Amino acid sequence: MDDAGEVAPPQRKRRHRRRRKILRIWDLQGGWCSGCGGPVPRQGLRPGDPDAPTFDHFIPASQGGTLALTNGLLKHKRCNQARGSAAPNGCERVWREVVLAKLENSVQPRASLRSLSASTN
């Protein structure tokens, strides 16, 4: 709900959730792009800016990948677009392991995140 007590449009809610997810991945990766290895600004850029932070699907959405944190990597928009739906490279696999390990240590879920992500590969 907004200040006037009205329900926010679904698009705004989705954008807000997506932004929170990007910031969480940014924290997990320390602000480094898993594509080029350069720093990714946390805020202050418009969504269309090539250096804007994006959520890159480790398993592409076109192949059934979800928006779960266990399937996400931080990338500049330009790096995310350059990869497209290609298979992840070695650096992206290393970054994913880092993210999974940090998530596992911070969340302490009932089932291991590694076992959950292994079932999606």
Protein backbone atom coordinates (compact mmCIF):
# COMPACT_ATOMS: atom_id res chain seq x y z
CA MET A 1 0.00 0.00 0.00
CA ASP A 2 1.12 3.55 -0.61
CA ASP A 3 0.72 6.56 1.72
CA ALA A 4 -2.85 7.14 0.54
CA GLY A 5 -3.81 3.57 1.51
CA GLU A 6 -4.10 2.41 -2.09
CA VAL A 7 -2.64 -0.86 -3.31
CA ALA A 8 0.44 -0.36 -5.47
CA PRO A 9 0.11 -1.50 -9.09
CA PRO A 10 1.53 -5.00 -9.72
CA GLN A 11 4.29 -3.61 -11.94
CA ARG A 12 5.62 -1.40 -9.16
CA LYS A 13 5.59 -4.33 -6.73
CA ARG A 14 7.51 -6.52 -9.20
CA ARG A 15 10.07 -3.77 -9.80
CA HIS A 16 10.52 -3.30 -6.07
CA ARG A 17 11.02 -7.05 -5.47
CA ARG A 18 13.45 -7.25 -8.39
CA ARG A 19 15.40 -4.25 -7.06
CA ARG A 20 15.63 -5.83 -3.58
CA LYS A 21 16.88 -9.05 -5.15
CA ILE A 22 19.54 -7.18 -7.14
CA LEU A 23 20.70 -5.40 -3.98
CA ARG A 24 20.88 -8.73 -2.10
CA ILE A 25 22.99 -10.27 -4.90
CA TRP A 26 25.10 -7.07 -4.91
CA ASP A 27 25.79 -7.60 -1.19
CA LEU A 28 26.63 -11.28 -1.69
CA GLN A 29 29.09 -10.54 -4.51
CA GLY A 30 30.58 -7.47 -2.88
CA GLY A 31 29.50 -5.29 -5.80
CA TRP A 32 31.62 -7.08 -8.43
CA CYS A 33 30.28 -8.02 -11.87
CA SER A 34 30.42 -11.75 -12.57
CA GLY A 35 30.80 -10.97 -16.27
CA CYS A 36 33.71 -8.53 -16.56
CA GLY A 37 34.97 -8.48 -12.97
CA GLY A 38 34.53 -4.73 -12.67
CA PRO A 39 32.75 -2.83 -9.91
CA VAL A 40 28.98 -2.45 -10.24
CA PRO A 41 27.47 0.75 -8.84
CA ARG A 42 24.91 -0.03 -6.14
CA GLN A 43 22.62 2.87 -7.00
CA GLY A 44 22.35 6.14 -8.88
CA LEU A 45 22.04 4.74 -12.41
CA ARG A 46 18.93 4.59 -14.53
CA PRO A 47 17.76 1.07 -15.46
CA GLY A 48 18.71 1.64 -19.13
CA ASP A 49 22.31 2.59 -18.32
CA PRO A 50 24.82 -0.04 -19.60
CA ASP A 51 26.55 -0.05 -16.20
CA ALA A 52 23.30 -0.49 -14.22
CA PRO A 53 23.20 -3.56 -11.95
CA THR A 54 21.11 -6.47 -13.21
CA PHE A 55 20.08 -9.92 -12.04
CA ASP A 56 21.62 -12.45 -14.43
CA HIS A 57 19.96 -15.85 -14.49
CA PHE A 58 22.61 -18.57 -14.06
CA ILE A 59 20.14 -20.93 -15.69
CA PRO A 60 18.53 -18.67 -18.32
CA ALA A 61 14.84 -17.90 -17.95
CA SER A 62 14.35 -19.26 -21.49
CA GLN A 63 15.55 -22.63 -20.18
CA GLY A 64 13.36 -22.62 -17.07
CA GLY A 65 15.58 -20.59 -14.73
CA THR A 66 13.81 -18.76 -11.92
CA LEU A 67 14.31 -15.47 -10.08
CA ALA A 68 15.49 -17.34 -6.99
CA LEU A 69 18.65 -15.98 -5.35
CA THR A 70 20.25 -19.40 -5.91
CA ASN A 71 19.91 -18.79 -9.66
CA GLY A 72 21.18 -15.22 -9.73
CA LEU A 73 24.41 -13.39 -10.40
CA LEU A 74 25.15 -9.67 -10.37
CA LYS A 75 26.18 -8.19 -13.71
CA HIS A 76 26.30 -4.87 -15.48
CA LYS A 77 23.43 -4.59 -17.94
CA ARG A 78 25.90 -4.69 -20.86
CA CYS A 79 27.54 -7.87 -19.53
CA ASN A 80 24.17 -9.54 -18.95
CA GLN A 81 23.03 -8.70 -22.48
CA ALA A 82 26.33 -9.91 -23.97
CA ARG A 83 25.86 -13.37 -22.45
CA GLY A 84 22.23 -13.67 -23.52
CA SER A 85 21.06 -17.25 -23.00
CA ALA A 86 24.49 -18.83 -23.54
CA ALA A 87 25.76 -21.42 -21.07
CA PRO A 88 27.59 -20.01 -18.02
CA ASN A 89 31.37 -19.78 -18.30
CA GLY A 90 33.91 -20.82 -15.65
CA CYS A 91 33.98 -17.44 -13.87
CA GLU A 92 30.20 -17.42 -13.60
CA ARG A 93 30.30 -20.91 -12.10
CA VAL A 94 32.83 -19.75 -9.49
CA TRP A 95 30.70 -16.69 -8.65
CA ARG A 96 27.66 -18.92 -8.26
CA GLU A 97 29.51 -21.12 -5.76
CA VAL A 98 30.47 -17.98 -3.80
CA VAL A 99 26.86 -16.79 -3.75
CA LEU A 100 25.55 -20.24 -2.75
CA ALA A 101 28.09 -20.53 0.06
CA LYS A 102 27.23 -17.08 1.42
CA LEU A 103 23.51 -17.78 1.18
CA GLU A 104 23.97 -21.11 2.94
CA ASN A 105 25.92 -19.46 5.76
CA SER A 106 23.51 -16.55 6.18
CA VAL A 107 20.14 -18.26 5.79
CA GLN A 108 20.60 -21.70 7.37
CA PRO A 109 17.70 -23.28 5.45
CA ARG A 110 16.21 -26.68 6.29
CA ALA A 111 17.45 -28.19 3.04
CA SER A 112 20.90 -27.42 1.70
CA LEU A 113 20.91 -24.77 -1.02
CA ARG A 114 23.57 -26.74 -2.87
CA SER A 115 21.34 -29.81 -3.01
CA LEU A 116 18.44 -27.67 -4.22
CA SER A 117 20.52 -26.01 -6.94
CA ALA A 118 22.08 -29.34 -7.95
CA SER A 119 18.62 -30.66 -8.71
CA THR A 120 18.06 -27.75 -11.16
CA ASN A 121 21.22 -28.45 -13.21
